[in-house]
Amino acid sequence: MNEFITKDQKLFLFLNHLGSEKFDAFWILVSDKWIWIPFYAILLLILARGFKLKSFLFILLFIALGITISDQLAGIFKHSIARLRPVHEPILDGLVREVKGGGQYSFYSAHASNSFFIATYLSILLKPKYDWFPYFLFIWAGFVSYSRIYLGVHYPLDILYGGLVGFLLGGLFANLTKKAIG
């Protein structure tokens, strides 16, 4: 297990050190949840135009429930597993390119889980109407997820696991939504 953690730390350092001060502000914005409000508004508009009111309301409910579960599960895992963020890991002291700190624990990434939940959920619901849409959403989720490594607050495994949880929850909730709205 220690060898696995060591490889994760080495991959983190490699990816984290790809950064440059001239790009720091960009990645801070990518990681900021509030910057995406216009993007979320566009997604809601697409959903509102693509579904009847009752279906749209069910979709909003399932999105809210899914993101809440995704986010809360990440918090439970973080405090149960208690893996220190790279910026707090004594072994990596002085090696991490820290752009913006975070809380104490890192496993797993709620940013990755939530963004991959949205990407998966909306891809399943909207693919029949917009076949290009899933590519865009998964690229967006990948950017948000990578930003967490760039900023020095998550390891690659935190991102991978968070993305997997979000993907699975997104698929589950999309299928529940399809059953609910017919």
C-alpha atoms as a PDB file:
ATOM      1  CA  MET A   1       0.000   0.000   0.000  1.00  0.00           C
ATOM      2  CA  ASN A   2       2.844   2.402   0.814  1.00  0.00           C
ATOM      3  CA  GLU A   3       4.279   1.908  -2.681  1.00  0.00           C
ATOM      4  CA  PHE A   4       0.891   2.822  -4.157  1.00  0.00           C
ATOM      5  CA  ILE A   5       0.742   6.015  -2.059  1.00  0.00           C
ATOM      6  CA  THR A   6       4.325   6.878  -3.037  1.00  0.00           C
ATOM      7  CA  LYS A   7       3.479   6.539  -6.745  1.00  0.00           C
ATOM      8  CA  ASP A   8       0.410   8.732  -6.236  1.00  0.00           C
ATOM      9  CA  GLN A   9       2.572  11.359  -4.540  1.00  0.00           C
ATOM     10  CA  LYS A  10       5.164  11.243  -7.332  1.00  0.00           C
ATOM     11  CA  LEU A  11       2.488  11.612 -10.017  1.00  0.00           C
ATOM     12  CA  PHE A  12       0.978  14.478  -8.026  1.00  0.00           C
ATOM     13  CA  LEU A  13       4.338  16.278  -7.853  1.00  0.00           C
ATOM     14  CA  PHE A  14       4.874  15.835 -11.588  1.00  0.00           C
ATOM     15  CA  LEU A  15       1.404  17.194 -12.464  1.00  0.00           C
ATOM     16  CA  ASN A  16       1.543  19.924  -9.833  1.00  0.00           C
ATOM     17  CA  HIS A  17       4.906  21.154 -11.130  1.00  0.00           C
ATOM     18  CA  LEU A  18       3.584  21.550 -14.672  1.00  0.00           C
ATOM     19  CA  GLY A  19       2.141  24.806 -13.362  1.00  0.00           C
ATOM     20  CA  SER A  20       3.444  28.303 -13.855  1.00  0.00           C
ATOM     21  CA  GLU A  21       2.684  31.556 -12.045  1.00  0.00           C
ATOM     22  CA  LYS A  22       1.289  33.075 -15.231  1.00  0.00           C
ATOM     23  CA  PHE A  23      -1.479  30.429 -15.253  1.00  0.00           C
ATOM     24  CA  ASP A  24      -2.258  30.412 -11.513  1.00  0.00           C
ATOM     25  CA  ALA A  25      -5.138  32.899 -11.737  1.00  0.00           C
ATOM     26  CA  PHE A  26      -6.761  30.867 -14.527  1.00  0.00           C
ATOM     27  CA  TRP A  27      -6.698  27.617 -12.515  1.00  0.00           C
ATOM     28  CA  ILE A  28      -7.938  29.375  -9.378  1.00  0.00           C
ATOM     29  CA  LEU A  29     -10.939  30.549 -11.421  1.00  0.00           C
ATOM     30  CA  VAL A  30     -11.519  27.074 -12.879  1.00  0.00           C
ATOM     31  CA  SER A  31     -11.601  25.676  -9.340  1.00  0.00           C
ATOM     32  CA  ASP A  32     -13.936  28.369  -7.991  1.00  0.00           C
ATOM     33  CA  LYS A  33     -17.535  27.164  -7.775  1.00  0.00           C
ATOM     34  CA  TRP A  34     -18.997  30.676  -8.066  1.00  0.00           C
ATOM     35  CA  ILE A  35     -17.374  31.414 -11.440  1.00  0.00           C
ATOM     36  CA  TRP A  36     -19.499  28.642 -12.937  1.00  0.00           C
ATOM     37  CA  ILE A  37     -22.878  30.195 -12.053  1.00  0.00           C
ATOM     38  CA  PRO A  38     -23.403  31.546 -15.615  1.00  0.00           C
ATOM     39  CA  PHE A  39     -22.488  28.086 -16.971  1.00  0.00           C
ATOM     40  CA  TYR A  40     -24.998  26.449 -14.621  1.00  0.00           C
ATOM     41  CA  ALA A  41     -27.629  28.987 -15.679  1.00  0.00           C
ATOM     42  CA  ILE A  42     -27.065  28.032 -19.334  1.00  0.00           C
ATOM     43  CA  LEU A  43     -27.386  24.350 -18.430  1.00  0.00           C
ATOM     44  CA  LEU A  44     -30.661  25.070 -16.634  1.00  0.00           C
ATOM     45  CA  LEU A  45     -31.919  27.001 -19.651  1.00  0.00           C
ATOM     46  CA  ILE A  46     -31.074  24.062 -21.931  1.00  0.00           C
ATOM     47  CA  LEU A  47     -32.927  21.725 -19.570  1.00  0.00           C
ATOM     48  CA  ALA A  48     -35.926  24.068 -19.278  1.00  0.00           C
ATOM     49  CA  ARG A  49     -36.216  24.265 -23.068  1.00  0.00           C
ATOM     50  CA  GLY A  50     -35.740  20.536 -23.555  1.00  0.00           C
ATOM     51  CA  PHE A  51     -38.246  19.200 -21.040  1.00  0.00           C
ATOM     52  CA  LYS A  52     -41.800  19.882 -19.942  1.00  0.00           C
ATOM     53  CA  LEU A  53     -42.232  21.790 -16.677  1.00  0.00           C
ATOM     54  CA  LYS A  54     -43.024  18.737 -14.526  1.00  0.00           C
ATOM     55  CA  SER A  55     -40.037  16.820 -15.928  1.00  0.00           C
ATOM     56  CA  PHE A  56     -37.804  19.869 -15.512  1.00  0.00           C
ATOM     57  CA  LEU A  57     -38.797  20.133 -11.832  1.00  0.00           C
ATOM     58  CA  PHE A  58     -38.023  16.439 -11.295  1.00  0.00           C
ATOM     59  CA  ILE A  59     -34.640  16.982 -12.957  1.00  0.00           C
ATOM     60  CA  LEU A  60     -33.882  19.930 -10.650  1.00  0.00           C
ATOM     61  CA  LEU A  61     -34.845  17.821  -7.638  1.00  0.00           C
ATOM     62  CA  PHE A  62     -32.622  14.928  -8.724  1.00  0.00           C
ATOM     63  CA  ILE A  63     -29.702  17.277  -9.472  1.00  0.00           C
ATOM     64  CA  ALA A  64     -30.009  18.832  -6.011  1.00  0.00           C
ATOM     65  CA  LEU A  65     -30.246  15.431  -4.319  1.00  0.00           C
ATOM     66  CA  GLY A  66     -27.390  13.967  -6.348  1.00  0.00           C
ATOM     67  CA  ILE A  67     -24.985  16.829  -5.718  1.00  0.00           C
ATOM     68  CA  THR A  68     -25.894  16.869  -2.025  1.00  0.00           C
ATOM     69  CA  ILE A  69     -25.197  13.136  -1.709  1.00  0.00           C
ATOM     70  CA  SER A  70     -22.009  13.428  -3.780  1.00  0.00           C
ATOM     71  CA  ASP A  71     -20.740  16.308  -1.668  1.00  0.00           C
ATOM     72  CA  GLN A  72     -21.688  14.807   1.699  1.00  0.00           C
ATOM     73  CA  LEU A  73     -20.148  11.433   0.836  1.00  0.00           C
ATOM     74  CA  ALA A  74     -16.884  13.207   0.019  1.00  0.00           C
ATOM     75  CA  GLY A  75     -16.966  14.899   3.426  1.00  0.00           C
ATOM     76  CA  ILE A  76     -17.609  11.594   5.192  1.00  0.00           C
ATOM     77  CA  PHE A  77     -14.744   9.915   3.335  1.00  0.00           C
ATOM     78  CA  LYS A  78     -12.369  12.818   3.990  1.00  0.00           C
ATOM     79  CA  HIS A  79     -12.914  12.704   7.741  1.00  0.00           C
ATOM     80  CA  SER A  80     -13.029   8.897   7.947  1.00  0.00           C
ATOM     81  CA  ILE A  81      -9.892   8.237   5.889  1.00  0.00           C
ATOM     82  CA  ALA A  82      -8.109  11.413   7.057  1.00  0.00           C
ATOM     83  CA  ARG A  83      -5.528  11.497   4.260  1.00  0.00           C
ATOM     84  CA  LEU A  84      -3.734  14.817   4.503  1.00  0.00           C
ATOM     85  CA  ARG A  85      -3.864  17.151   1.536  1.00  0.00           C
ATOM     86  CA  PRO A  86      -0.554  17.420  -0.320  1.00  0.00           C
ATOM     87  CA  VAL A  87      -0.018  20.929   1.075  1.00  0.00           C
ATOM     88  CA  HIS A  88      -0.278  19.514   4.630  1.00  0.00           C
ATOM     89  CA  GLU A  89       1.712  16.302   4.086  1.00  0.00           C
ATOM     90  CA  PRO A  90       4.996  16.517   6.077  1.00  0.00           C
ATOM     91  CA  ILE A  91       6.810  14.183   3.637  1.00  0.00           C
ATOM     92  CA  LEU A  92       6.088  16.658   0.817  1.00  0.00           C
ATOM     93  CA  ASP A  93       6.985  19.774   2.805  1.00  0.00           C
ATOM     94  CA  GLY A  94       8.739  22.211   0.495  1.00  0.00           C
ATOM     95  CA  LEU A  95       8.038  20.105  -2.613  1.00  0.00           C
ATOM     96  CA  VAL A  96       4.436  21.077  -3.353  1.00  0.00           C
ATOM     97  CA  ARG A  97       3.785  24.016  -5.614  1.00  0.00           C
ATOM     98  CA  GLU A  98       0.996  25.459  -3.463  1.00  0.00           C
ATOM     99  CA  VAL A  99      -1.181  27.962  -5.265  1.00  0.00           C
ATOM    100  CA  LYS A 100      -4.217  27.933  -3.011  1.00  0.00           C
ATOM    101  CA  GLY A 101      -4.664  25.856   0.116  1.00  0.00           C
ATOM    102  CA  GLY A 102      -7.709  23.934   1.203  1.00  0.00           C
ATOM    103  CA  GLY A 103      -8.989  22.064   4.220  1.00  0.00           C
ATOM    104  CA  GLN A 104      -6.984  19.447   6.057  1.00  0.00           C
ATOM    105  CA  TYR A 105      -8.024  16.246   4.257  1.00  0.00           C
ATOM    106  CA  SER A 106      -8.005  15.263   0.616  1.00  0.00           C
ATOM    107  CA  PHE A 107      -9.543  11.841  -0.080  1.00  0.00           C
ATOM    108  CA  TYR A 108     -11.655  12.125  -2.106  1.00  0.00           C
ATOM    109  CA  SER A 109     -12.207  15.269  -4.173  1.00  0.00           C
ATOM    110  CA  ALA A 110     -15.707  16.721  -3.874  1.00  0.00           C
ATOM    111  CA  HIS A 111     -14.935  19.004  -6.838  1.00  0.00           C
ATOM    112  CA  ALA A 112     -14.227  15.946  -9.007  1.00  0.00           C
ATOM    113  CA  SER A 113     -17.224  14.044  -7.679  1.00  0.00           C
ATOM    114  CA  ASN A 114     -19.669  16.911  -8.154  1.00  0.00           C
ATOM    115  CA  SER A 115     -18.420  17.922 -11.596  1.00  0.00           C
ATOM    116  CA  PHE A 116     -18.434  14.333 -12.873  1.00  0.00           C
ATOM    117  CA  PHE A 117     -21.898  13.865 -11.379  1.00  0.00           C
ATOM    118  CA  ILE A 118     -23.144  16.844 -13.408  1.00  0.00           C
ATOM    119  CA  ALA A 119     -21.306  15.708 -16.550  1.00  0.00           C
ATOM    120  CA  THR A 120     -22.653  12.151 -16.364  1.00  0.00           C
ATOM    121  CA  TYR A 121     -26.173  13.059 -15.301  1.00  0.00           C
ATOM    122  CA  LEU A 122     -26.672  15.691 -17.989  1.00  0.00           C
ATOM    123  CA  SER A 123     -24.908  13.634 -20.659  1.00  0.00           C
ATOM    124  CA  ILE A 124     -27.357  10.784 -20.163  1.00  0.00           C
ATOM    125  CA  LEU A 125     -30.384  13.080 -20.166  1.00  0.00           C
ATOM    126  CA  LEU A 126     -29.319  15.378 -23.002  1.00  0.00           C
ATOM    127  CA  LYS A 127     -27.388  13.080 -25.360  1.00  0.00           C
ATOM    128  CA  PRO A 128     -30.480  12.221 -27.424  1.00  0.00           C
ATOM    129  CA  LYS A 129     -30.981  15.948 -28.118  1.00  0.00           C
ATOM    130  CA  TYR A 130     -27.350  17.124 -28.233  1.00  0.00           C
ATOM    131  CA  ASP A 131     -24.888  14.354 -29.124  1.00  0.00           C
ATOM    132  CA  TRP A 132     -21.878  16.715 -28.853  1.00  0.00           C
ATOM    133  CA  PHE A 133     -22.815  17.774 -25.337  1.00  0.00           C
ATOM    134  CA  PRO A 134     -21.247  14.898 -23.342  1.00  0.00           C
ATOM    135  CA  TYR A 135     -17.791  15.635 -24.785  1.00  0.00           C
ATOM    136  CA  PHE A 136     -18.015  19.234 -23.668  1.00  0.00           C
ATOM    137  CA  LEU A 137     -19.267  18.311 -20.190  1.00  0.00           C
ATOM    138  CA  PHE A 138     -16.581  15.712 -19.557  1.00  0.00           C
ATOM    139  CA  ILE A 139     -13.835  18.080 -20.732  1.00  0.00           C
ATOM    140  CA  TRP A 140     -15.238  20.670 -18.312  1.00  0.00           C
ATOM    141  CA  ALA A 141     -15.275  18.108 -15.458  1.00  0.00           C
ATOM    142  CA  GLY A 142     -11.696  17.148 -16.313  1.00  0.00           C
ATOM    143  CA  PHE A 143     -10.573  20.783 -16.164  1.00  0.00           C
ATOM    144  CA  VAL A 144     -12.251  21.325 -12.799  1.00  0.00           C
ATOM    145  CA  SER A 145     -10.684  18.121 -11.478  1.00  0.00           C
ATOM    146  CA  TYR A 146      -7.169  18.879 -12.746  1.00  0.00           C
ATOM    147  CA  SER A 147      -7.377  22.347 -11.202  1.00  0.00           C
ATOM    148  CA  ARG A 148      -7.364  20.681  -7.782  1.00  0.00           C
ATOM    149  CA  ILE A 149      -4.012  19.008  -8.493  1.00  0.00           C
ATOM    150  CA  TYR A 150      -2.634  22.212 -10.023  1.00  0.00           C
ATOM    151  CA  LEU A 151      -3.569  24.174  -6.893  1.00  0.00           C
ATOM    152  CA  GLY A 152      -1.834  21.604  -4.685  1.00  0.00           C
ATOM    153  CA  VAL A 153      -4.864  20.358  -2.756  1.00  0.00           C
ATOM    154  CA  HIS A 154      -5.549  16.880  -4.216  1.00  0.00           C
ATOM    155  CA  TYR A 155      -3.638  13.818  -5.304  1.00  0.00           C
ATOM    156  CA  PRO A 156      -4.455  12.088  -8.606  1.00  0.00           C
ATOM    157  CA  LEU A 157      -6.134   9.203  -6.730  1.00  0.00           C
ATOM    158  CA  ASP A 158      -8.387  11.702  -4.924  1.00  0.00           C
ATOM    159  CA  ILE A 159      -9.456  12.985  -8.333  1.00  0.00           C
ATOM    160  CA  LEU A 160      -9.824   9.543  -9.878  1.00  0.00           C
ATOM    161  CA  TYR A 161     -11.916   8.204  -7.013  1.00  0.00           C
ATOM    162  CA  GLY A 162     -14.008  11.386  -6.789  1.00  0.00           C
ATOM    163  CA  GLY A 163     -14.617  11.269 -10.533  1.00  0.00           C
ATOM    164  CA  LEU A 164     -15.661   7.616 -10.299  1.00  0.00           C
ATOM    165  CA  VAL A 165     -18.094   8.314  -7.451  1.00  0.00           C
ATOM    166  CA  GLY A 166     -19.575  11.245  -9.383  1.00  0.00           C
ATOM    167  CA  PHE A 167     -19.827   9.155 -12.547  1.00  0.00           C
ATOM    168  CA  LEU A 168     -21.621   6.313 -10.743  1.00  0.00           C
ATOM    169  CA  LEU A 169     -23.981   8.639  -8.865  1.00  0.00           C
ATOM    170  CA  GLY A 170     -24.686  10.588 -12.059  1.00  0.00           C
ATOM    171  CA  GLY A 171     -25.606   7.375 -13.868  1.00  0.00           C
ATOM    172  CA  LEU A 172     -27.790   6.182 -11.002  1.00  0.00           C
ATOM    173  CA  PHE A 173     -29.630   9.484 -10.673  1.00  0.00           C
ATOM    174  CA  ALA A 174     -30.063   9.861 -14.438  1.00  0.00           C
ATOM    175  CA  ASN A 175     -31.683   6.433 -14.611  1.00  0.00           C
ATOM    176  CA  LEU A 176     -33.933   7.259 -11.641  1.00  0.00           C
ATOM    177  CA  THR A 177     -34.881  10.515 -13.365  1.00  0.00           C
ATOM    178  CA  LYS A 178     -35.707   8.747 -16.630  1.00  0.00           C
ATOM    179  CA  LYS A 179     -38.014   6.368 -14.735  1.00  0.00           C
ATOM    180  CA  ALA A 180     -39.651   9.264 -12.868  1.00  0.00           C
ATOM    181  CA  ILE A 181     -40.323  11.396 -15.952  1.00  0.00           C
ATOM    182  CA  GLY A 182     -41.082   8.543 -18.318  1.00  0.00           C
END
